[in-house]
Amino acid sequence: CFDDSHACYDDSHACLDDSHACYDDSHACFDDSHACFDDSHACFDDSHACFDDSHACFDDSHACFDDSHACFDDSHACYDDYHACYGDS
């Protein structure tokens, strides 16, 4: 139950429900790189639990972006494991 980008969606491109096992324990929908996206491939907000343990939101290349695709600042922990902040390029 994966689309071409390996995100978990049903045929209507909505996240599968629990009975289809397409959510983790916090009900976030992850692709195979453990990045979380809503239907528009934007990061979920906090209420949707779409952040990793350090509260950074990652796209499928493991770069972290806010809704405007700018890196979060330090208070948003938008750095990868190497503490590098990635831009659109």
Protein backbone atom coordinates (compact mmCIF):
# COMPACT_ATOMS: atom_id res chain seq x y z
CA CYS A 1 0.00 0.00 0.00
CA PHE A 2 2.61 2.51 -1.09
CA ASP A 3 2.48 5.18 -3.75
CA ASP A 4 5.35 6.00 -6.09
CA SER A 5 7.09 8.06 -3.44
CA HIS A 6 6.80 5.18 -0.96
CA ALA A 7 4.39 7.07 1.25
CA CYS A 8 1.62 4.99 2.73
CA TYR A 9 -1.72 5.86 1.21
CA ASP A 10 -4.80 4.01 0.11
CA ASP A 11 -6.10 4.31 -3.46
CA SER A 12 -7.61 7.72 -2.70
CA HIS A 13 -4.23 8.94 -1.42
CA ALA A 14 -5.49 9.22 2.13
CA CYS A 15 -3.51 7.68 4.94
CA LEU A 16 -4.71 4.17 5.67
CA ASP A 17 -6.52 3.59 8.92
CA ASP A 18 -5.25 1.50 11.84
CA SER A 19 -6.75 -1.68 10.43
CA HIS A 20 -4.46 -1.27 7.44
CA ALA A 21 -1.44 -0.61 9.70
CA CYS A 22 -0.51 2.58 7.89
CA TYR A 23 0.11 4.60 11.04
CA ASP A 24 2.65 4.41 13.80
CA ASP A 25 1.68 4.41 17.48
CA SER A 26 1.24 8.19 17.49
CA HIS A 27 -1.07 7.96 14.45
CA ALA A 28 1.35 9.72 12.15
CA CYS A 29 1.66 8.48 8.59
CA PHE A 30 5.20 7.68 7.56
CA ASP A 31 6.82 6.70 4.30
CA ASP A 32 9.68 4.22 4.26
CA SER A 33 12.21 6.87 5.21
CA HIS A 34 10.14 7.64 8.32
CA ALA A 35 9.25 11.11 7.08
CA CYS A 36 5.71 12.16 7.80
CA PHE A 37 3.46 13.88 5.31
CA ASP A 38 -0.20 14.77 5.06
CA ASP A 39 -2.11 14.30 1.81
CA SER A 40 -0.51 17.40 0.30
CA HIS A 41 2.96 16.18 1.33
CA ALA A 42 3.25 18.99 3.84
CA CYS A 43 4.48 18.29 7.34
CA PHE A 44 1.75 17.71 9.89
CA ASP A 45 1.56 20.13 12.78
CA ASP A 46 2.16 19.12 16.40
CA SER A 47 -1.43 18.01 16.89
CA HIS A 48 -0.93 15.44 14.17
CA ALA A 49 2.27 14.13 15.76
CA CYS A 50 4.17 14.57 12.53
CA PHE A 51 7.55 15.22 14.07
CA ASP A 52 10.41 12.97 15.05
CA ASP A 53 11.69 12.63 18.61
CA SER A 54 13.60 15.90 18.38
CA HIS A 55 10.48 17.64 17.05
CA ALA A 56 12.08 18.22 13.67
CA CYS A 57 9.98 17.80 10.57
CA PHE A 58 11.72 15.99 7.74
CA ASP A 59 10.93 15.58 4.07
CA ASP A 60 11.75 12.36 2.23
CA SER A 61 15.38 13.36 1.79
CA HIS A 62 15.69 13.82 5.57
CA ALA A 63 16.02 17.59 5.21
CA CYS A 64 13.88 19.57 7.60
CA PHE A 65 11.56 22.31 6.40
CA ASP A 66 8.74 24.35 7.84
CA ASP A 67 5.56 24.99 5.85
CA SER A 68 7.34 27.58 3.70
CA HIS A 69 10.20 25.12 3.02
CA ALA A 70 12.60 27.21 5.07
CA CYS A 71 14.76 25.58 7.71
CA PHE A 72 13.42 25.86 11.22
CA ASP A 73 15.49 27.85 13.64
CA ASP A 74 17.32 26.29 16.60
CA SER A 75 14.24 26.46 18.81
CA HIS A 76 12.44 24.23 16.33
CA ALA A 77 15.28 21.70 16.20
CA CYS A 78 15.34 21.70 12.42
CA TYR A 79 18.67 20.02 11.95
CA ASP A 80 19.56 16.51 10.90
CA ASP A 81 21.79 14.13 12.85
CA TYR A 82 24.85 15.93 11.54
CA HIS A 83 23.46 19.25 12.77
CA ALA A 84 23.36 20.55 9.22
CA CYS A 85 20.45 22.67 8.05
CA TYR A 86 19.33 22.02 4.50
CA GLY A 87 17.73 24.50 2.11
CA ASP A 88 15.73 23.84 -1.05
CA SER A 89 18.87 22.91 -2.96
